[in-house]
N, C-alpha and C. Protein backbone atom coordinates (compact mmCIF):
# COMPACT_ATOMS: atom_id res chain seq x y z
N MET A 1 -2.75 26.56 -0.59
CA MET A 1 -2.75 28.07 -0.31
C MET A 1 -3.80 28.64 -1.30
N ALA A 2 -4.31 27.93 -2.15
CA ALA A 2 -5.33 28.49 -3.17
C ALA A 2 -6.62 28.87 -2.47
N GLY A 3 -6.95 28.22 -1.39
CA GLY A 3 -8.26 28.46 -0.66
C GLY A 3 -8.22 29.65 0.23
N ARG A 4 -7.16 30.26 0.43
CA ARG A 4 -7.07 31.43 1.26
C ARG A 4 -7.57 32.70 0.43
N ARG A 5 -8.34 33.55 1.12
CA ARG A 5 -8.77 34.83 0.50
C ARG A 5 -7.98 35.95 1.11
N SER A 6 -7.61 36.89 0.20
CA SER A 6 -6.94 38.05 0.58
C SER A 6 -7.88 39.00 1.24
N LYS A 7 -7.54 39.45 2.42
CA LYS A 7 -8.42 40.42 3.10
C LYS A 7 -8.14 41.82 2.67
N LYS A 8 -9.21 42.52 2.32
CA LYS A 8 -9.02 43.94 1.91
C LYS A 8 -9.07 44.83 3.26
N ARG A 9 -8.12 45.60 3.28
CA ARG A 9 -8.16 46.55 4.46
C ARG A 9 -8.95 47.75 4.15
N LYS A 10 -9.81 48.09 5.17
CA LYS A 10 -10.60 49.29 4.93
C LYS A 10 -9.59 50.54 5.14
N LYS A 11 -10.10 51.55 4.43
CA LYS A 11 -9.38 52.88 4.56
C LYS A 11 -9.59 53.44 5.90
N ALA A 12 -8.44 53.84 6.60
CA ALA A 12 -8.55 54.37 7.94
C ALA A 12 -9.36 55.73 7.90
N VAL A 13 -10.38 55.86 8.69
CA VAL A 13 -11.15 57.11 8.73
C VAL A 13 -10.67 57.90 9.97
N LYS A 14 -10.43 59.17 9.67
CA LYS A 14 -9.94 60.02 10.78
C LYS A 14 -11.10 60.25 11.68
N SER A 15 -10.85 60.09 13.05
CA SER A 15 -11.83 60.30 14.01
C SER A 15 -11.18 60.94 15.30
N VAL A 16 -11.91 61.86 15.85
CA VAL A 16 -11.41 62.48 17.12
C VAL A 16 -12.50 62.45 18.23
N VAL A 17 -12.08 62.11 19.46
CA VAL A 17 -12.98 62.06 20.57
C VAL A 17 -12.60 63.30 21.48
N ALA A 18 -13.64 64.09 21.85
CA ALA A 18 -13.47 65.22 22.76
C ALA A 18 -14.45 65.13 23.92
N ARG A 19 -14.12 65.72 25.01
CA ARG A 19 -14.95 65.68 26.24
C ARG A 19 -15.30 67.08 26.64
N GLY A 20 -16.54 67.21 27.11
CA GLY A 20 -17.12 68.42 27.66
C GLY A 20 -17.81 68.18 28.87
N LYS A 21 -17.66 69.13 29.91
CA LYS A 21 -18.23 69.04 31.22
C LYS A 21 -18.99 70.23 31.52
N ARG A 22 -20.08 70.02 32.33
CA ARG A 22 -20.88 71.16 32.87
C ARG A 22 -21.60 70.60 34.12
N LYS A 23 -21.37 71.17 35.27
CA LYS A 23 -21.98 70.77 36.48
C LYS A 23 -21.67 69.28 36.58
N ASN A 24 -22.74 68.39 36.73
CA ASN A 24 -22.45 66.90 36.87
C ASN A 24 -22.53 66.17 35.65
N SER A 25 -22.67 66.89 34.51
CA SER A 25 -22.86 66.20 33.09
C SER A 25 -21.52 66.09 32.51
N VAL A 26 -21.36 64.83 31.78
CA VAL A 26 -20.11 64.66 31.03
C VAL A 26 -20.53 64.22 29.73
N ALA A 27 -19.94 64.80 28.64
CA ALA A 27 -20.33 64.47 27.30
C ALA A 27 -19.04 64.09 26.52
N ARG A 28 -19.10 63.12 25.68
CA ARG A 28 -18.02 62.65 24.83
C ARG A 28 -18.50 62.71 23.46
N ALA A 29 -17.81 63.51 22.63
CA ALA A 29 -18.23 63.64 21.21
C ALA A 29 -17.13 62.98 20.29
N THR A 30 -17.62 62.14 19.40
CA THR A 30 -16.84 61.56 18.44
C THR A 30 -17.07 62.13 17.08
N VAL A 31 -16.05 62.81 16.44
CA VAL A 31 -16.23 63.49 15.22
C VAL A 31 -15.44 62.68 14.15
N LYS A 32 -16.20 62.38 13.09
CA LYS A 32 -15.43 61.66 11.99
C LYS A 32 -16.07 62.08 10.64
N GLU A 33 -15.43 61.68 9.63
CA GLU A 33 -15.89 62.05 8.30
C GLU A 33 -17.24 61.45 7.98
N GLY A 34 -18.08 62.27 7.37
CA GLY A 34 -19.43 61.82 7.14
C GLY A 34 -20.30 62.79 6.38
N LYS A 35 -21.54 62.73 6.62
CA LYS A 35 -22.53 63.57 5.86
C LYS A 35 -23.20 64.69 6.62
N GLY A 36 -22.82 64.96 7.86
CA GLY A 36 -23.33 66.04 8.63
C GLY A 36 -24.43 65.54 9.55
N ILE A 37 -24.34 64.29 9.94
CA ILE A 37 -25.40 63.76 10.90
C ILE A 37 -24.90 63.95 12.29
N VAL A 38 -25.74 64.47 13.20
CA VAL A 38 -25.46 64.69 14.61
C VAL A 38 -26.40 63.83 15.44
N ARG A 39 -25.83 63.04 16.29
CA ARG A 39 -26.63 62.13 17.17
C ARG A 39 -26.25 62.35 18.64
N ILE A 40 -27.28 62.52 19.43
CA ILE A 40 -27.06 62.67 20.89
C ILE A 40 -27.68 61.39 21.59
N ASN A 41 -26.83 60.60 22.20
CA ASN A 41 -27.21 59.36 22.84
C ASN A 41 -28.07 58.54 21.81
N SER A 42 -27.52 58.39 20.54
CA SER A 42 -28.17 57.59 19.49
C SER A 42 -29.42 58.17 18.97
N VAL A 43 -29.81 59.33 19.34
CA VAL A 43 -31.01 59.98 18.81
C VAL A 43 -30.63 61.15 18.00
N ASN A 44 -31.19 61.36 16.81
CA ASN A 44 -30.87 62.45 15.88
C ASN A 44 -31.15 63.80 16.61
N LEU A 45 -30.32 64.74 16.29
CA LEU A 45 -30.47 66.10 16.91
C LEU A 45 -31.85 66.69 16.49
N ASN A 46 -32.28 66.41 15.31
CA ASN A 46 -33.58 66.94 14.82
C ASN A 46 -34.83 66.28 15.54
N ALA A 47 -34.59 65.27 16.16
CA ALA A 47 -35.75 64.53 16.82
C ALA A 47 -35.90 65.19 18.24
N LEU A 48 -35.07 65.96 18.69
CA LEU A 48 -35.20 66.55 20.12
C LEU A 48 -36.41 67.58 19.98
N GLN A 49 -37.29 67.59 21.15
CA GLN A 49 -38.41 68.39 21.15
C GLN A 49 -38.12 69.83 21.51
N ASN A 50 -37.26 70.07 22.51
CA ASN A 50 -36.98 71.43 23.04
C ASN A 50 -36.07 72.16 22.02
N ARG A 51 -36.66 73.15 21.42
CA ARG A 51 -36.03 74.00 20.31
C ARG A 51 -34.79 74.67 20.96
N TYR A 52 -34.95 75.16 22.13
CA TYR A 52 -33.83 75.94 22.74
C TYR A 52 -32.62 75.10 22.89
N ILE A 53 -32.80 73.90 23.42
CA ILE A 53 -31.69 72.95 23.61
C ILE A 53 -31.07 72.55 22.27
N LYS A 54 -31.95 72.37 21.32
CA LYS A 54 -31.48 72.04 19.89
C LYS A 54 -30.62 73.07 19.39
N GLU A 55 -31.04 74.32 19.44
CA GLU A 55 -30.23 75.50 19.02
C GLU A 55 -28.88 75.61 19.83
N LEU A 56 -28.96 75.38 21.06
CA LEU A 56 -27.77 75.43 21.87
C LEU A 56 -26.71 74.42 21.48
N ILE A 57 -27.20 73.18 21.22
CA ILE A 57 -26.16 72.16 20.81
C ILE A 57 -25.73 72.38 19.41
N TYR A 58 -26.61 72.97 18.46
CA TYR A 58 -26.22 73.18 17.11
C TYR A 58 -25.36 74.38 16.85
N GLU A 59 -25.17 75.25 17.84
CA GLU A 59 -24.44 76.55 17.68
C GLU A 59 -23.07 76.42 17.19
N PRO A 60 -22.21 75.40 17.68
CA PRO A 60 -20.85 75.27 17.09
C PRO A 60 -20.89 74.94 15.70
N LEU A 61 -21.87 74.19 15.19
CA LEU A 61 -21.95 73.80 13.78
C LEU A 61 -22.39 74.92 12.86
N GLU A 62 -23.23 75.93 13.46
CA GLU A 62 -23.56 77.09 12.76
C GLU A 62 -22.34 77.97 12.52
N ILE A 63 -21.50 78.14 13.50
CA ILE A 63 -20.30 78.88 13.46
C ILE A 63 -19.37 78.34 12.50
N LEU A 64 -19.20 76.98 12.43
CA LEU A 64 -18.36 76.24 11.59
C LEU A 64 -18.76 76.50 10.09
N GLY A 65 -20.01 76.58 9.78
CA GLY A 65 -20.49 76.88 8.49
C GLY A 65 -20.59 75.57 7.53
N GLU A 66 -20.12 75.79 6.30
CA GLU A 66 -20.30 74.66 5.37
C GLU A 66 -19.53 73.43 5.61
N ARG A 67 -18.46 73.53 6.47
CA ARG A 67 -17.65 72.34 6.74
C ARG A 67 -18.41 71.35 7.62
N ALA A 68 -19.43 71.79 8.24
CA ALA A 68 -20.24 70.96 9.19
C ALA A 68 -20.93 69.82 8.40
N ASN A 69 -21.11 69.97 7.12
CA ASN A 69 -21.82 68.89 6.33
C ASN A 69 -20.81 67.75 6.01
N LYS A 70 -19.57 67.98 6.29
CA LYS A 70 -18.57 66.96 5.91
C LYS A 70 -18.19 66.08 7.10
N VAL A 71 -18.82 66.20 8.27
CA VAL A 71 -18.46 65.34 9.46
C VAL A 71 -19.75 64.87 10.08
N ASP A 72 -19.72 63.61 10.57
CA ASP A 72 -20.64 63.04 11.50
C ASP A 72 -20.23 63.13 12.89
N ILE A 73 -21.17 63.54 13.83
CA ILE A 73 -20.90 63.77 15.17
C ILE A 73 -21.82 62.83 15.99
N ARG A 74 -21.18 62.03 16.94
CA ARG A 74 -21.89 61.22 17.87
C ARG A 74 -21.50 61.61 19.34
N VAL A 75 -22.53 61.88 20.00
CA VAL A 75 -22.28 62.35 21.34
C VAL A 75 -22.91 61.49 22.42
N ASN A 76 -22.22 61.08 23.45
CA ASN A 76 -22.73 60.26 24.54
C ASN A 76 -22.72 61.17 25.75
N VAL A 77 -23.91 61.40 26.36
CA VAL A 77 -23.94 62.30 27.56
C VAL A 77 -24.56 61.53 28.69
N TYR A 78 -24.05 61.76 29.87
CA TYR A 78 -24.66 61.24 31.06
C TYR A 78 -24.50 62.09 32.23
N GLY A 79 -25.33 61.94 33.30
CA GLY A 79 -25.19 62.75 34.55
C GLY A 79 -25.86 64.11 34.45
N GLY A 80 -26.27 64.60 35.59
CA GLY A 80 -26.85 65.96 35.59
C GLY A 80 -28.25 66.07 35.03
N GLY A 81 -28.54 67.30 34.71
CA GLY A 81 -29.97 67.54 34.18
C GLY A 81 -29.81 67.80 32.73
N VAL A 82 -31.02 68.28 32.18
CA VAL A 82 -31.17 68.45 30.73
C VAL A 82 -30.24 69.63 30.23
N MET A 83 -30.27 70.71 30.95
CA MET A 83 -29.48 71.91 30.49
C MET A 83 -27.96 71.65 30.63
N GLY A 84 -27.58 71.00 31.77
CA GLY A 84 -26.20 70.65 31.93
C GLY A 84 -25.67 69.77 30.82
N GLN A 85 -26.51 68.84 30.46
CA GLN A 85 -26.19 67.87 29.50
C GLN A 85 -26.07 68.55 28.10
N ALA A 86 -26.89 69.46 27.83
CA ALA A 86 -26.85 70.27 26.55
C ALA A 86 -25.63 71.04 26.43
N GLN A 87 -25.31 71.73 27.55
CA GLN A 87 -24.11 72.53 27.56
C GLN A 87 -22.79 71.73 27.50
N ALA A 88 -22.82 70.59 28.17
CA ALA A 88 -21.68 69.73 27.99
C ALA A 88 -21.46 69.14 26.65
N ALA A 89 -22.60 68.78 25.93
CA ALA A 89 -22.57 68.24 24.60
C ALA A 89 -22.08 69.38 23.66
N ARG A 90 -22.51 70.64 23.91
CA ARG A 90 -22.09 71.77 23.00
C ARG A 90 -20.61 72.00 23.13
N THR A 91 -19.99 71.90 24.37
CA THR A 91 -18.55 72.10 24.60
C THR A 91 -17.81 70.96 23.89
N ALA A 92 -18.34 69.70 24.05
CA ALA A 92 -17.67 68.57 23.52
C ALA A 92 -17.66 68.60 22.01
N ILE A 93 -18.69 69.00 21.36
CA ILE A 93 -18.83 69.15 19.87
C ILE A 93 -17.81 70.20 19.41
N ALA A 94 -17.87 71.35 20.11
CA ALA A 94 -16.84 72.45 19.68
C ALA A 94 -15.44 72.05 19.77
N LYS A 95 -15.09 71.35 20.88
CA LYS A 95 -13.66 70.85 21.11
C LYS A 95 -13.32 69.78 20.01
N GLY A 96 -14.31 68.95 19.81
CA GLY A 96 -14.05 67.94 18.81
C GLY A 96 -13.77 68.48 17.43
N LEU A 97 -14.61 69.55 17.01
CA LEU A 97 -14.44 70.17 15.71
C LEU A 97 -13.09 70.84 15.64
N VAL A 98 -12.63 71.53 16.62
CA VAL A 98 -11.35 72.17 16.55
C VAL A 98 -10.22 71.10 16.48
N ALA A 99 -10.28 70.01 17.20
CA ALA A 99 -9.37 68.92 17.13
C ALA A 99 -9.36 68.19 15.69
N TYR A 100 -10.55 68.01 15.17
CA TYR A 100 -10.71 67.37 13.92
C TYR A 100 -10.07 68.23 12.75
N PHE A 101 -10.51 69.46 12.71
CA PHE A 101 -9.86 70.29 11.61
C PHE A 101 -8.55 70.84 11.89
N GLU A 102 -8.08 70.78 13.09
CA GLU A 102 -6.74 71.29 13.48
C GLU A 102 -6.56 72.75 13.07
N ASP A 103 -7.53 73.53 13.46
CA ASP A 103 -7.63 74.89 13.02
C ASP A 103 -7.66 75.88 14.27
N LYS A 104 -6.54 76.62 14.38
CA LYS A 104 -6.49 77.59 15.47
C LYS A 104 -7.40 78.69 15.25
N GLN A 105 -7.64 79.13 14.00
CA GLN A 105 -8.58 80.24 13.82
C GLN A 105 -10.07 79.84 14.12
N LEU A 106 -10.38 78.54 13.99
CA LEU A 106 -11.74 78.06 14.44
C LEU A 106 -11.83 78.15 15.91
N TYR A 107 -10.78 77.80 16.65
CA TYR A 107 -10.75 77.92 18.15
C TYR A 107 -11.02 79.38 18.55
N ASP A 108 -10.25 80.34 17.95
CA ASP A 108 -10.34 81.67 18.22
C ASP A 108 -11.81 82.15 17.95
N ARG A 109 -12.46 81.70 16.82
CA ARG A 109 -13.77 82.14 16.45
C ARG A 109 -14.77 81.64 17.48
N PHE A 110 -14.64 80.41 17.89
CA PHE A 110 -15.42 79.83 18.99
C PHE A 110 -15.38 80.68 20.28
N GLU A 111 -14.06 80.98 20.58
CA GLU A 111 -13.80 81.65 21.82
C GLU A 111 -14.45 83.19 21.82
N SER A 112 -14.35 83.81 20.58
CA SER A 112 -14.89 85.14 20.53
C SER A 112 -16.41 85.10 20.63
N VAL A 113 -17.06 84.07 20.19
CA VAL A 113 -18.48 83.99 20.20
C VAL A 113 -18.88 83.69 21.66
N ASP A 114 -18.37 82.62 22.15
CA ASP A 114 -18.62 82.23 23.56
C ASP A 114 -17.53 81.49 24.11
N LYS A 115 -16.92 81.92 25.24
CA LYS A 115 -15.78 81.36 25.83
C LYS A 115 -16.00 79.94 26.27
N TRP A 116 -17.25 79.66 26.70
CA TRP A 116 -17.54 78.31 27.25
C TRP A 116 -17.75 77.27 26.17
N LEU A 117 -17.73 77.61 24.93
CA LEU A 117 -17.75 76.64 23.85
C LEU A 117 -16.53 75.77 23.81
N VAL A 118 -15.37 76.35 24.20
CA VAL A 118 -14.05 75.64 24.12
C VAL A 118 -13.45 75.40 25.51
N VAL A 119 -14.05 75.96 26.52
CA VAL A 119 -13.51 75.90 27.86
C VAL A 119 -14.49 75.22 28.75
N GLU A 120 -14.04 74.17 29.49
CA GLU A 120 -15.00 73.54 30.39
C GLU A 120 -15.29 74.47 31.59
N ASP A 121 -16.56 74.41 32.11
CA ASP A 121 -16.97 75.23 33.19
C ASP A 121 -16.47 74.58 34.45
N PRO A 122 -15.52 75.15 35.22
CA PRO A 122 -14.99 74.55 36.41
C PRO A 122 -15.92 74.49 37.63
N ARG A 123 -17.03 75.34 37.54
CA ARG A 123 -17.91 75.52 38.73
C ARG A 123 -18.57 74.24 39.02
N ARG A 124 -18.60 73.90 40.28
CA ARG A 124 -19.31 72.66 40.79
C ARG A 124 -20.21 73.09 41.93
N ILE A 125 -21.20 72.19 42.34
CA ILE A 125 -22.05 72.55 43.39
C ILE A 125 -21.36 72.40 44.71
N GLU A 126 -21.53 73.42 45.59
CA GLU A 126 -20.87 73.49 46.84
C GLU A 126 -21.55 72.44 47.84
N PRO A 127 -20.90 71.59 48.48
CA PRO A 127 -21.49 70.62 49.43
C PRO A 127 -22.14 71.36 50.62
N LYS A 128 -23.27 70.72 51.11
CA LYS A 128 -24.02 71.15 52.29
C LYS A 128 -23.15 70.99 53.52
N LYS A 129 -23.20 71.93 54.36
CA LYS A 129 -22.52 71.90 55.71
C LYS A 129 -23.51 71.64 56.88
N TYR A 130 -22.91 71.19 57.99
CA TYR A 130 -23.75 71.05 59.14
C TYR A 130 -24.22 72.40 59.64
N LYS A 131 -25.16 72.49 60.52
CA LYS A 131 -25.67 73.73 61.15
C LYS A 131 -26.37 74.57 60.12
N GLY A 132 -26.85 74.02 59.08
CA GLY A 132 -27.55 74.84 58.01
C GLY A 132 -28.42 73.91 57.18
N ARG A 133 -29.32 74.60 56.44
CA ARG A 133 -30.18 73.80 55.54
C ARG A 133 -29.49 73.63 54.17
N LYS A 134 -28.69 74.51 53.73
CA LYS A 134 -27.99 74.37 52.43
C LYS A 134 -26.51 74.68 52.67
N ALA A 135 -25.79 74.90 51.58
CA ALA A 135 -24.32 75.11 51.64
C ALA A 135 -23.96 76.33 52.39
N ARG A 136 -24.70 77.49 52.12
CA ARG A 136 -24.36 78.73 52.87
C ARG A 136 -25.36 79.10 53.91
N ALA A 137 -26.65 78.76 53.73
CA ALA A 137 -27.66 79.12 54.64
C ALA A 137 -27.51 78.48 56.00
N ARG A 138 -27.81 79.23 57.01
CA ARG A 138 -27.70 78.75 58.32
C ARG A 138 -29.11 78.65 59.13
N PHE A 139 -29.24 77.75 60.04
CA PHE A 139 -30.50 77.71 60.68
C PHE A 139 -30.66 79.11 61.54
N GLN A 140 -31.88 79.59 61.64
CA GLN A 140 -32.05 80.84 62.34
C GLN A 140 -32.09 80.60 63.82
N LYS A 141 -31.66 81.68 64.55
CA LYS A 141 -31.65 81.65 66.01
C LYS A 141 -32.78 82.41 66.56
N SER A 142 -33.34 81.92 67.65
CA SER A 142 -34.38 82.66 68.33
C SER A 142 -34.17 82.68 69.80
N TYR A 143 -34.11 83.88 70.37
CA TYR A 143 -33.72 84.01 71.74
C TYR A 143 -34.90 84.06 72.76
N ARG A 144 -36.10 83.70 72.26
CA ARG A 144 -37.25 83.74 73.15
C ARG A 144 -37.86 82.41 73.26
């Protein structure tokens, strides 16, 4: 028995997974204790080129304030377009922060700034129907 090593157990790190949806985009955010690093699909948030999208995703962290430097956030996003993915990631981050800090006041603050930070947008694209070019548009009739 002298040859066996005792295994040291790592301290359990609190982590929370939250989901956000927008149109066809789905985002899953993992929030855990860390140094304030935010990664979207393994790319640092600061490396994104589009400033508007960067600010959109960073908005829940600005509202959170100083506590944002104490958590690392990893977001996986797929489906849809660039803006749908950004809005889905934003919702997932906000929901993850509320769940991680277990703070009802934070939820209320997010909701007062923008309802869609903590609530998924249920609107989806309406399917195309027959006798028309799009979902609602119909082919024109000519009587001559």
